[in-house]
C-alpha atoms as a PDB file:
ATOM      1  CA  MET A   1     113.770 125.251  15.687  1.00  0.00           C
ATOM      2  CA  SER A   2     113.896 128.981  15.293  1.00  0.00           C
ATOM      3  CA  ILE A   3     116.047 131.654  16.862  1.00  0.00           C
ATOM      4  CA  SER A   4     114.120 134.548  18.301  1.00  0.00           C
ATOM      5  CA  MET A   5     115.068 138.094  17.464  1.00  0.00           C
ATOM      6  CA  GLN A   6     115.609 138.893  21.165  1.00  0.00           C
ATOM      7  CA  SER A   7     118.209 136.099  21.513  1.00  0.00           C
ATOM      8  CA  LEU A   8     120.018 137.267  18.380  1.00  0.00           C
ATOM      9  CA  ASN A   9     120.020 140.854  19.656  1.00  0.00           C
ATOM     10  CA  ASP A  10     121.399 139.723  23.034  1.00  0.00           C
ATOM     11  CA  ALA A  11     124.173 137.742  21.337  1.00  0.00           C
ATOM     12  CA  VAL A  12     125.195 140.715  19.171  1.00  0.00           C
ATOM     13  CA  VAL A  13     125.254 143.044  22.182  1.00  0.00           C
ATOM     14  CA  ALA A  14     127.353 140.526  24.137  1.00  0.00           C
ATOM     15  CA  ILE A  15     129.882 140.261  21.292  1.00  0.00           C
ATOM     16  CA  ILE A  16     130.113 144.065  20.934  1.00  0.00           C
ATOM     17  CA  VAL A  17     130.634 144.505  24.688  1.00  0.00           C
ATOM     18  CA  THR A  18     133.317 141.786  24.758  1.00  0.00           C
ATOM     19  CA  VAL A  19     135.210 143.319  21.824  1.00  0.00           C
ATOM     20  CA  GLY A  20     134.921 146.794  23.351  1.00  0.00           C
ATOM     21  CA  ILE A  21     136.369 145.630  26.653  1.00  0.00           C
ATOM     22  CA  ALA A  22     139.215 143.842  24.846  1.00  0.00           C
ATOM     23  CA  VAL A  23     140.080 146.985  22.854  1.00  0.00           C
ATOM     24  CA  ALA A  24     139.958 149.184  25.981  1.00  0.00           C
ATOM     25  CA  LEU A  25     142.243 146.806  27.893  1.00  0.00           C
ATOM     26  CA  SER A  26     144.759 146.583  25.053  1.00  0.00           C
ATOM     27  CA  ILE A  27     144.928 150.389  24.807  1.00  0.00           C
ATOM     28  CA  ALA A  28     145.364 150.646  28.585  1.00  0.00           C
ATOM     29  CA  PHE A  29     148.184 148.076  28.580  1.00  0.00           C
ATOM     30  CA  ALA A  30     149.949 149.851  25.699  1.00  0.00           C
ATOM     31  CA  ALA A  31     149.707 153.191  27.518  1.00  0.00           C
ATOM     32  CA  ALA A  32     151.007 151.670  30.770  1.00  0.00           C
ATOM     33  CA  GLY A  33     153.946 150.148  28.915  1.00  0.00           C
ATOM     34  CA  ALA A  34     154.767 153.468  27.279  1.00  0.00           C
ATOM     35  CA  PHE A  35     154.718 155.280  30.636  1.00  0.00           C
ATOM     36  CA  ALA A  36     156.920 152.609  32.220  1.00  0.00           C
ATOM     37  CA  GLN A  37     159.419 152.834  29.350  1.00  0.00           C
ATOM     38  CA  ARG A  38     159.426 156.631  29.626  1.00  0.00           C
ATOM     39  CA  GLY A  39     160.188 156.381  33.349  1.00  0.00           C
ATOM     40  CA  LYS A  40     163.107 154.027  32.716  1.00  0.00           C
ATOM     41  CA  ILE A  41     164.609 156.376  30.132  1.00  0.00           C
ATOM     42  CA  LYS A  42     164.194 159.378  32.452  1.00  0.00           C
ATOM     43  CA  ALA A  43     165.884 157.509  35.327  1.00  0.00           C
ATOM     44  CA  ARG A  44     168.723 156.406  33.062  1.00  0.00           C
ATOM     45  CA  ARG A  45     169.352 160.007  31.920  1.00  0.00           C
ATOM     46  CA  ALA A  46     169.336 161.291  35.500  1.00  0.00           C
ATOM     47  CA  ALA A  47     171.881 158.670  36.588  1.00  0.00           C
ATOM     48  CA  HIS A  48     174.308 159.651  33.821  1.00  0.00           C
ATOM     49  CA  ALA A  49     173.917 163.409  34.248  1.00  0.00           C
ATOM     50  CA  VAL A  50     174.921 163.380  37.933  1.00  0.00           C
ATOM     51  CA  ALA A  51     178.261 161.662  37.296  1.00  0.00           C
ATOM     52  CA  VAL A  52     179.900 164.774  35.730  1.00  0.00           C
ATOM     53  CA  PRO A  53     180.999 167.467  38.228  1.00  0.00           C
ATOM     54  CA  ALA A  54     180.631 171.152  37.370  1.00  0.00           C
ATOM     55  CA  GLN A  55     183.786 172.910  36.126  1.00  0.00           C
ATOM     56  CA  HIS A  56     184.586 176.412  37.359  1.00  0.00           C
ATOM     57  CA  PRO A  57     186.010 178.893  34.851  1.00  0.00           C
ATOM     58  CA  THR A  58     189.708 179.686  35.252  1.00  0.00           C
ATOM     59  CA  GLN A  59     191.220 183.131  35.013  1.00  0.00           C
ATOM     60  CA  THR A  60     193.483 183.759  32.005  1.00  0.00           C
ATOM     61  CA  ASP A  61     196.731 185.720  32.019  1.00  0.00           C
ATOM     62  CA  ASN A  62     195.138 188.635  30.160  1.00  0.00           C
ATOM     63  CA  ALA A  63     192.462 188.984  32.802  1.00  0.00           C
ATOM     64  CA  ARG A  64     195.090 188.994  35.577  1.00  0.00           C
ATOM     65  CA  GLU A  65     196.934 191.764  33.791  1.00  0.00           C
ATOM     66  CA  LEU A  66     193.823 193.933  33.730  1.00  0.00           C
ATOM     67  CA  VAL A  67     193.185 193.322  37.434  1.00  0.00           C
ATOM     68  CA  LEU A  68     196.729 194.262  38.381  1.00  0.00           C
ATOM     69  CA  ARG A  69     196.638 197.599  36.528  1.00  0.00           C
END
């Protein structure tokens, strides 16, 4: 029983294609997870930033004195 060179070549190509697809999928899943995590952090920051109202500057006594003169 002998293995032909064509069968061996087909098996090697099949293994390389399978490993390539596995690597591409793992990179895609890692990138999707990173984007999802980034979106959660951005939403969390936006929720906390809105809670603080803007403060208007108050006029000091020295400034009132200059206006009155």
